[in-house]
Amino acid sequence: MLYLVLKALHLIAVIAWMAGMLYLPRLFVYHCEAEKGSRQSETFKVMERRLLRAIINPAMIAVWVLGLTLAWISDYWLQGWFLAKLALVTLLSAVHGLFSRWRRDFEADRNVRPARFYRMWNEVPTVLMIGIVLLAVLKPF
């Protein structure tokens, strides 16, 4: 029963993390279109900061803690699918770090990237998520 509770909590954390990781770069796209110092720009800053601090960061921590706990309980450490999944989750965490840095750039009115750049990055978490889910469900190797 403990395993199932941990797995459910892990899935809830994954959903929250992914929701934030898909929404934050979309906010960046809209933020690019707002004039620096405008009321709209300041609103985006608050939205981005709250999303990252209240949802994305705690969810990522929960995903890692619960996921590693599940791996330990189930002894997945040497299974190929798990190592590949772990690599993709590590890449997703690196993308999270990039999003955090870019949020700080917007906060300081230092963004120099166009909206198109963030539109492209909006797809990266989706691609990683697809790989992670396929590995976790199919366990192909």
N, C-alpha and C. Protein backbone atom coordinates (compact mmCIF):
# COMPACT_ATOMS: atom_id res chain seq x y z
N MET A 1 0.82 -1.20 0.00
CA MET A 1 0.00 0.00 0.00
C MET A 1 0.86 1.26 0.00
N LEU A 2 1.97 1.24 0.75
CA LEU A 2 2.87 2.40 0.78
C LEU A 2 3.37 2.72 -0.62
N TYR A 3 3.74 1.68 -1.37
CA TYR A 3 4.23 1.88 -2.74
C TYR A 3 3.18 2.61 -3.59
N LEU A 4 1.93 2.20 -3.50
CA LEU A 4 0.87 2.81 -4.31
C LEU A 4 0.61 4.26 -3.90
N VAL A 5 0.67 4.54 -2.62
CA VAL A 5 0.49 5.92 -2.15
C VAL A 5 1.63 6.80 -2.66
N LEU A 6 2.87 6.31 -2.56
CA LEU A 6 4.02 7.06 -3.05
C LEU A 6 3.93 7.27 -4.57
N LYS A 7 3.50 6.25 -5.28
CA LYS A 7 3.37 6.35 -6.73
C LYS A 7 2.30 7.38 -7.11
N ALA A 8 1.18 7.38 -6.40
CA ALA A 8 0.12 8.37 -6.66
C ALA A 8 0.63 9.78 -6.39
N LEU A 9 1.33 9.96 -5.28
CA LEU A 9 1.88 11.28 -4.97
C LEU A 9 2.92 11.71 -6.01
N HIS A 10 3.71 10.75 -6.47
CA HIS A 10 4.70 11.02 -7.51
C HIS A 10 4.00 11.51 -8.78
N LEU A 11 2.95 10.83 -9.19
CA LEU A 11 2.21 11.22 -10.39
C LEU A 11 1.56 12.60 -10.24
N ILE A 12 1.03 12.89 -9.07
CA ILE A 12 0.45 14.21 -8.81
C ILE A 12 1.52 15.29 -8.94
N ALA A 13 2.71 15.03 -8.37
CA ALA A 13 3.81 15.99 -8.47
C ALA A 13 4.28 16.17 -9.91
N VAL A 14 4.32 15.07 -10.66
CA VAL A 14 4.71 15.15 -12.08
C VAL A 14 3.73 16.03 -12.85
N ILE A 15 2.44 15.84 -12.61
CA ILE A 15 1.43 16.64 -13.30
C ILE A 15 1.59 18.12 -12.97
N ALA A 16 1.79 18.43 -11.70
CA ALA A 16 1.97 19.83 -11.30
C ALA A 16 3.24 20.42 -11.92
N TRP A 17 4.34 19.65 -11.90
CA TRP A 17 5.60 20.13 -12.46
C TRP A 17 5.44 20.40 -13.96
N MET A 18 4.85 19.44 -14.66
CA MET A 18 4.70 19.59 -16.11
C MET A 18 3.75 20.74 -16.45
N ALA A 19 2.70 20.91 -15.69
CA ALA A 19 1.78 22.03 -15.95
C ALA A 19 2.54 23.35 -15.89
N GLY A 20 3.35 23.49 -14.87
CA GLY A 20 4.14 24.71 -14.73
C GLY A 20 5.19 24.85 -15.82
N MET A 21 5.85 23.74 -16.16
CA MET A 21 6.90 23.78 -17.17
C MET A 21 6.34 24.07 -18.57
N LEU A 22 5.07 23.78 -18.78
CA LEU A 22 4.45 24.09 -20.06
C LEU A 22 3.89 25.52 -20.08
N TYR A 23 3.52 26.03 -18.92
CA TYR A 23 2.91 27.36 -18.85
C TYR A 23 3.95 28.48 -18.76
N LEU A 24 5.04 28.25 -18.04
CA LEU A 24 6.02 29.32 -17.83
C LEU A 24 6.61 29.86 -19.13
N PRO A 25 7.08 29.02 -20.06
CA PRO A 25 7.60 29.60 -21.30
C PRO A 25 6.52 30.30 -22.13
N ARG A 26 5.27 29.90 -21.95
CA ARG A 26 4.17 30.60 -22.63
C ARG A 26 4.04 32.00 -22.06
N LEU A 27 4.18 32.13 -20.74
CA LEU A 27 4.18 33.46 -20.13
C LEU A 27 5.34 34.30 -20.68
N PHE A 28 6.50 33.66 -20.87
CA PHE A 28 7.64 34.38 -21.44
C PHE A 28 7.31 34.93 -22.82
N VAL A 29 6.61 34.15 -23.63
CA VAL A 29 6.22 34.60 -24.97
C VAL A 29 5.39 35.88 -24.85
N TYR A 30 4.40 35.87 -23.98
CA TYR A 30 3.55 37.05 -23.82
C TYR A 30 4.32 38.20 -23.19
N HIS A 31 5.24 37.87 -22.28
CA HIS A 31 6.02 38.90 -21.61
C HIS A 31 6.90 39.65 -22.61
N CYS A 32 7.41 38.94 -23.62
CA CYS A 32 8.22 39.58 -24.66
C CYS A 32 7.47 40.69 -25.38
N GLU A 33 6.18 40.51 -25.48
CA GLU A 33 5.35 41.48 -26.20
C GLU A 33 4.97 42.69 -25.35
N ALA A 34 5.22 42.61 -24.04
CA ALA A 34 4.90 43.73 -23.15
C ALA A 34 6.08 44.69 -23.08
N GLU A 35 5.76 45.95 -23.06
CA GLU A 35 6.81 46.97 -22.97
C GLU A 35 7.45 46.94 -21.58
N LYS A 36 8.78 46.99 -21.54
CA LYS A 36 9.50 46.97 -20.26
C LYS A 36 9.03 48.11 -19.37
N GLY A 37 8.78 47.78 -18.10
CA GLY A 37 8.33 48.78 -17.15
C GLY A 37 6.84 49.04 -17.16
N SER A 38 6.14 48.45 -18.12
CA SER A 38 4.69 48.65 -18.20
C SER A 38 3.98 47.86 -17.10
N ARG A 39 2.74 48.22 -16.88
CA ARG A 39 1.95 47.50 -15.87
C ARG A 39 1.81 46.03 -16.27
N GLN A 40 1.63 45.78 -17.56
CA GLN A 40 1.51 44.41 -18.06
C GLN A 40 2.79 43.62 -17.79
N SER A 41 3.94 44.23 -18.03
CA SER A 41 5.22 43.57 -17.78
C SER A 41 5.38 43.23 -16.30
N GLU A 42 4.99 44.16 -15.46
CA GLU A 42 5.09 43.93 -14.01
C GLU A 42 4.15 42.81 -13.56
N THR A 43 2.99 42.71 -14.19
CA THR A 43 2.05 41.63 -13.88
C THR A 43 2.64 40.28 -14.27
N PHE A 44 3.27 40.23 -15.46
CA PHE A 44 3.91 38.98 -15.89
C PHE A 44 5.02 38.58 -14.92
N LYS A 45 5.76 39.54 -14.42
CA LYS A 45 6.84 39.24 -13.46
C LYS A 45 6.28 38.54 -12.22
N VAL A 46 5.17 39.06 -11.71
CA VAL A 46 4.54 38.47 -10.52
C VAL A 46 4.04 37.06 -10.85
N MET A 47 3.38 36.90 -11.98
CA MET A 47 2.85 35.59 -12.38
C MET A 47 3.97 34.57 -12.53
N GLU A 48 5.05 34.96 -13.18
CA GLU A 48 6.17 34.04 -13.41
C GLU A 48 6.83 33.64 -12.10
N ARG A 49 7.06 34.63 -11.23
CA ARG A 49 7.70 34.35 -9.94
C ARG A 49 6.84 33.42 -9.09
N ARG A 50 5.55 33.71 -9.01
CA ARG A 50 4.66 32.88 -8.19
C ARG A 50 4.53 31.46 -8.74
N LEU A 51 4.43 31.35 -10.06
CA LEU A 51 4.33 30.03 -10.68
C LEU A 51 5.57 29.21 -10.36
N LEU A 52 6.73 29.81 -10.49
CA LEU A 52 7.97 29.08 -10.24
C LEU A 52 8.11 28.71 -8.77
N ARG A 53 7.91 29.68 -7.90
CA ARG A 53 8.14 29.43 -6.47
C ARG A 53 7.06 28.61 -5.78
N ALA A 54 5.82 28.78 -6.20
CA ALA A 54 4.71 28.10 -5.49
C ALA A 54 4.34 26.76 -6.10
N ILE A 55 4.64 26.57 -7.38
CA ILE A 55 4.22 25.32 -8.02
C ILE A 55 5.39 24.54 -8.60
N ILE A 56 6.13 25.16 -9.51
CA ILE A 56 7.14 24.41 -10.25
C ILE A 56 8.26 23.90 -9.34
N ASN A 57 8.85 24.76 -8.52
CA ASN A 57 9.96 24.31 -7.66
C ASN A 57 9.54 23.23 -6.67
N PRO A 58 8.46 23.44 -5.89
CA PRO A 58 8.06 22.37 -4.96
C PRO A 58 7.69 21.07 -5.66
N ALA A 59 7.04 21.17 -6.82
CA ALA A 59 6.66 19.96 -7.55
C ALA A 59 7.89 19.20 -8.03
N MET A 60 8.90 19.92 -8.53
CA MET A 60 10.12 19.24 -8.98
C MET A 60 10.80 18.52 -7.81
N ILE A 61 10.87 19.17 -6.68
CA ILE A 61 11.48 18.54 -5.50
C ILE A 61 10.71 17.28 -5.12
N ALA A 62 9.39 17.37 -5.11
CA ALA A 62 8.56 16.20 -4.78
C ALA A 62 8.76 15.08 -5.80
N VAL A 63 8.85 15.42 -7.08
CA VAL A 63 9.07 14.41 -8.12
C VAL A 63 10.37 13.66 -7.83
N TRP A 64 11.44 14.39 -7.56
CA TRP A 64 12.73 13.75 -7.31
C TRP A 64 12.71 12.89 -6.04
N VAL A 65 12.20 13.44 -4.96
CA VAL A 65 12.18 12.69 -3.69
C VAL A 65 11.33 11.44 -3.81
N LEU A 66 10.13 11.59 -4.33
CA LEU A 66 9.23 10.44 -4.46
C LEU A 66 9.73 9.44 -5.49
N GLY A 67 10.23 9.94 -6.61
CA GLY A 67 10.74 9.05 -7.65
C GLY A 67 11.93 8.22 -7.19
N LEU A 68 12.87 8.87 -6.50
CA LEU A 68 14.03 8.13 -6.00
C LEU A 68 13.63 7.15 -4.89
N THR A 69 12.64 7.53 -4.10
CA THR A 69 12.13 6.62 -3.08
C THR A 69 11.50 5.38 -3.73
N LEU A 70 10.70 5.61 -4.76
CA LEU A 70 10.09 4.48 -5.48
C LEU A 70 11.15 3.59 -6.11
N ALA A 71 12.18 4.20 -6.67
CA ALA A 71 13.27 3.42 -7.29
C ALA A 71 13.99 2.59 -6.23
N TRP A 72 14.17 3.15 -5.07
CA TRP A 72 14.84 2.44 -3.98
C TRP A 72 13.98 1.27 -3.49
N ILE A 73 12.69 1.53 -3.29
CA ILE A 73 11.77 0.48 -2.83
C ILE A 73 11.70 -0.67 -3.84
N SER A 74 11.70 -0.32 -5.13
CA SER A 74 11.51 -1.32 -6.19
C SER A 74 12.81 -1.86 -6.75
N ASP A 75 13.93 -1.31 -6.31
CA ASP A 75 15.26 -1.75 -6.76
C ASP A 75 15.41 -1.64 -8.29
N TYR A 76 15.10 -0.46 -8.80
CA TYR A 76 15.18 -0.20 -10.23
C TYR A 76 16.56 0.28 -10.68
N TRP A 77 17.48 0.48 -9.78
CA TRP A 77 18.74 1.19 -10.04
C TRP A 77 19.53 0.71 -11.25
N LEU A 78 19.52 -0.56 -11.54
CA LEU A 78 20.36 -1.07 -12.63
C LEU A 78 19.56 -1.45 -13.88
N GLN A 79 18.30 -1.10 -13.91
CA GLN A 79 17.49 -1.42 -15.08
C GLN A 79 17.65 -0.32 -16.13
N GLY A 80 17.85 -0.73 -17.36
CA GLY A 80 18.13 0.21 -18.44
C GLY A 80 17.07 1.27 -18.63
N TRP A 81 15.80 0.87 -18.60
CA TRP A 81 14.72 1.84 -18.78
C TRP A 81 14.76 2.90 -17.70
N PHE A 82 15.08 2.49 -16.46
CA PHE A 82 15.12 3.46 -15.37
C PHE A 82 16.28 4.43 -15.54
N LEU A 83 17.44 3.93 -15.94
CA LEU A 83 18.59 4.81 -16.14
C LEU A 83 18.33 5.81 -17.27
N ALA A 84 17.66 5.35 -18.34
CA ALA A 84 17.30 6.26 -19.43
C ALA A 84 16.29 7.30 -18.95
N LYS A 85 15.31 6.85 -18.17
CA LYS A 85 14.31 7.77 -17.62
C LYS A 85 14.99 8.79 -16.71
N LEU A 86 15.90 8.32 -15.88
CA LEU A 86 16.62 9.21 -14.98
C LEU A 86 17.41 10.26 -15.76
N ALA A 87 18.00 9.87 -16.88
CA ALA A 87 18.72 10.82 -17.73
C ALA A 87 17.78 11.89 -18.28
N LEU A 88 16.59 11.47 -18.73
CA LEU A 88 15.63 12.44 -19.27
C LEU A 88 15.09 13.37 -18.18
N VAL A 89 14.85 12.83 -16.99
CA VAL A 89 14.39 13.67 -15.87
C VAL A 89 15.49 14.67 -15.48
N THR A 90 16.74 14.24 -15.57
CA THR A 90 17.85 15.15 -15.30
C THR A 90 17.88 16.28 -16.34
N LEU A 91 17.65 15.93 -17.61
CA LEU A 91 17.56 16.96 -18.66
C LEU A 91 16.39 17.90 -18.41
N LEU A 92 15.25 17.36 -17.99
CA LEU A 92 14.09 18.20 -17.68
C LEU A 92 14.42 19.14 -16.52
N SER A 93 15.17 18.66 -15.56
CA SER A 93 15.58 19.51 -14.43
C SER A 93 16.53 20.61 -14.90
N ALA A 94 17.38 20.31 -15.87
CA ALA A 94 18.27 21.33 -16.44
C ALA A 94 17.45 22.40 -17.17
N VAL A 95 16.42 21.97 -17.90
CA VAL A 95 15.52 22.92 -18.57
C VAL A 95 14.83 23.80 -17.52
N HIS A 96 14.43 23.20 -16.42
CA HIS A 96 13.84 23.93 -15.30
C HIS A 96 14.82 25.03 -14.85
N GLY A 97 16.09 24.67 -14.74
CA GLY A 97 17.11 25.65 -14.34
C GLY A 97 17.22 26.79 -15.35
N LEU A 98 17.16 26.46 -16.64
CA LEU A 98 17.18 27.51 -17.67
C LEU A 98 15.98 28.43 -17.54
N PHE A 99 14.80 27.85 -17.35
CA PHE A 99 13.59 28.66 -17.19
C PHE A 99 13.72 29.59 -15.98
N SER A 100 14.32 29.09 -14.91
CA SER A 100 14.52 29.91 -13.71
C SER A 100 15.44 31.09 -14.00
N ARG A 101 16.50 30.82 -14.74
CA ARG A 101 17.44 31.90 -15.08
C ARG A 101 16.76 32.92 -15.99
N TRP A 102 15.99 32.45 -16.96
CA TRP A 102 15.31 33.37 -17.87
C TRP A 102 14.27 34.19 -17.13
N ARG A 103 13.63 33.60 -16.13
CA ARG A 103 12.66 34.36 -15.32
C ARG A 103 13.37 35.50 -14.61
N ARG A 104 14.56 35.22 -14.10
CA ARG A 104 15.33 36.29 -13.43
C ARG A 104 15.72 37.39 -14.42
N ASP A 105 16.00 37.01 -15.66
CA ASP A 105 16.29 38.02 -16.69
C ASP A 105 15.08 38.92 -16.92
N PHE A 106 13.90 38.33 -17.02
CA PHE A 106 12.68 39.14 -17.19
C PHE A 106 12.46 40.03 -15.97
N GLU A 107 12.70 39.47 -14.78
CA GLU A 107 12.51 40.22 -13.54
C GLU A 107 13.35 41.49 -13.53
N ALA A 108 14.57 41.38 -14.07
CA ALA A 108 15.50 42.52 -14.08
C ALA A 108 15.42 43.31 -15.39
N ASP A 109 14.42 43.04 -16.21
CA ASP A 109 14.27 43.69 -17.52
C ASP A 109 15.51 43.53 -18.39
N ARG A 110 16.12 42.33 -18.34
CA ARG A 110 17.32 42.05 -19.13
C ARG A 110 17.06 41.04 -20.26
N ASN A 111 15.82 40.71 -20.51
CA ASN A 111 15.57 39.74 -21.58
C ASN A 111 15.93 40.35 -22.93
N VAL A 112 16.68 39.58 -23.73
CA VAL A 112 17.06 40.04 -25.07
C VAL A 112 16.57 39.05 -26.14
N ARG A 113 15.90 38.00 -25.71
CA ARG A 113 15.46 36.96 -26.65
C ARG A 113 14.07 37.28 -27.18
N PRO A 114 13.81 36.90 -28.45
CA PRO A 114 12.48 37.15 -29.02
C PRO A 114 11.46 36.10 -28.56
N ALA A 115 10.22 36.40 -28.77
CA ALA A 115 9.13 35.48 -28.39
C ALA A 115 9.29 34.12 -29.08
N ARG A 116 9.77 34.13 -30.29
CA ARG A 116 9.95 32.87 -31.05
C ARG A 116 10.88 31.90 -30.31
N PHE A 117 11.92 32.43 -29.68
CA PHE A 117 12.85 31.61 -28.91
C PHE A 117 12.10 30.84 -27.82
N TYR A 118 11.22 31.52 -27.10
CA TYR A 118 10.47 30.88 -26.02
C TYR A 118 9.39 29.94 -26.55
N ARG A 119 8.85 30.24 -27.74
CA ARG A 119 7.89 29.33 -28.36
C ARG A 119 8.55 27.98 -28.65
N MET A 120 9.78 28.03 -29.12
CA MET A 120 10.50 26.79 -29.41
C MET A 120 10.81 26.04 -28.11
N TRP A 121 11.25 26.75 -27.09
CA TRP A 121 11.58 26.10 -25.82
C TRP A 121 10.34 25.56 -25.12
N ASN A 122 9.18 26.08 -25.47
CA ASN A 122 7.93 25.60 -24.89
C ASN A 122 7.70 24.12 -25.23
N GLU A 123 8.29 23.66 -26.33
CA GLU A 123 8.10 22.28 -26.77
C GLU A 123 9.05 21.29 -26.10
N VAL A 124 10.16 21.77 -25.57
CA VAL A 124 11.18 20.88 -25.01
C VAL A 124 10.64 20.04 -23.85
N PRO A 125 9.95 20.64 -22.86
CA PRO A 125 9.40 19.79 -21.78
C PRO A 125 8.44 18.72 -22.28
N THR A 126 7.67 19.03 -23.32
CA THR A 126 6.73 18.06 -23.87
C THR A 126 7.46 16.85 -24.45
N VAL A 127 8.50 17.12 -25.23
CA VAL A 127 9.27 16.04 -25.84
C VAL A 127 9.91 15.17 -24.76
N LEU A 128 10.49 15.80 -23.74
CA LEU A 128 11.10 15.03 -22.65
C LEU A 128 10.05 14.23 -21.90
N MET A 129 8.89 14.83 -21.65
CA MET A 129 7.82 14.13 -20.94
C MET A 129 7.37 12.89 -21.71
N ILE A 130 7.25 13.00 -23.01
CA ILE A 130 6.83 11.84 -23.82
C ILE A 130 7.82 10.70 -23.64
N GLY A 131 9.10 11.01 -23.72
CA GLY A 131 10.12 9.97 -23.52
C GLY A 131 10.07 9.37 -22.14
N ILE A 132 9.91 10.20 -21.13
CA ILE A 132 9.86 9.74 -19.74
C ILE A 132 8.67 8.81 -19.52
N VAL A 133 7.50 9.20 -20.00
CA VAL A 133 6.29 8.40 -19.82
C VAL A 133 6.42 7.07 -20.56
N LEU A 134 6.91 7.11 -21.79
CA LEU A 134 7.07 5.85 -22.54
C LEU A 134 8.02 4.90 -21.83
N LEU A 135 9.11 5.42 -21.30
CA LEU A 135 10.05 4.57 -20.58
C LEU A 135 9.43 3.99 -19.31
N ALA A 136 8.71 4.83 -18.57
CA ALA A 136 8.12 4.38 -17.30
C ALA A 136 7.01 3.35 -17.50
N VAL A 137 6.23 3.50 -18.54
CA VAL A 137 5.11 2.61 -18.76
C VAL A 137 5.52 1.33 -19.50
N LEU A 138 6.30 1.49 -20.57
CA LEU A 138 6.66 0.33 -21.39
C LEU A 138 7.85 -0.46 -20.86
N LYS A 139 8.74 0.20 -20.11
CA LYS A 139 9.95 -0.45 -19.60
C LYS A 139 10.59 -1.30 -20.71
N PRO A 140 10.99 -0.67 -21.83
CA PRO A 140 11.40 -1.42 -23.01
C PRO A 140 12.73 -2.18 -22.89
N PHE A 141 13.54 -1.84 -21.95
CA PHE A 141 14.82 -2.56 -21.78
C PHE A 141 15.29 -2.48 -20.34
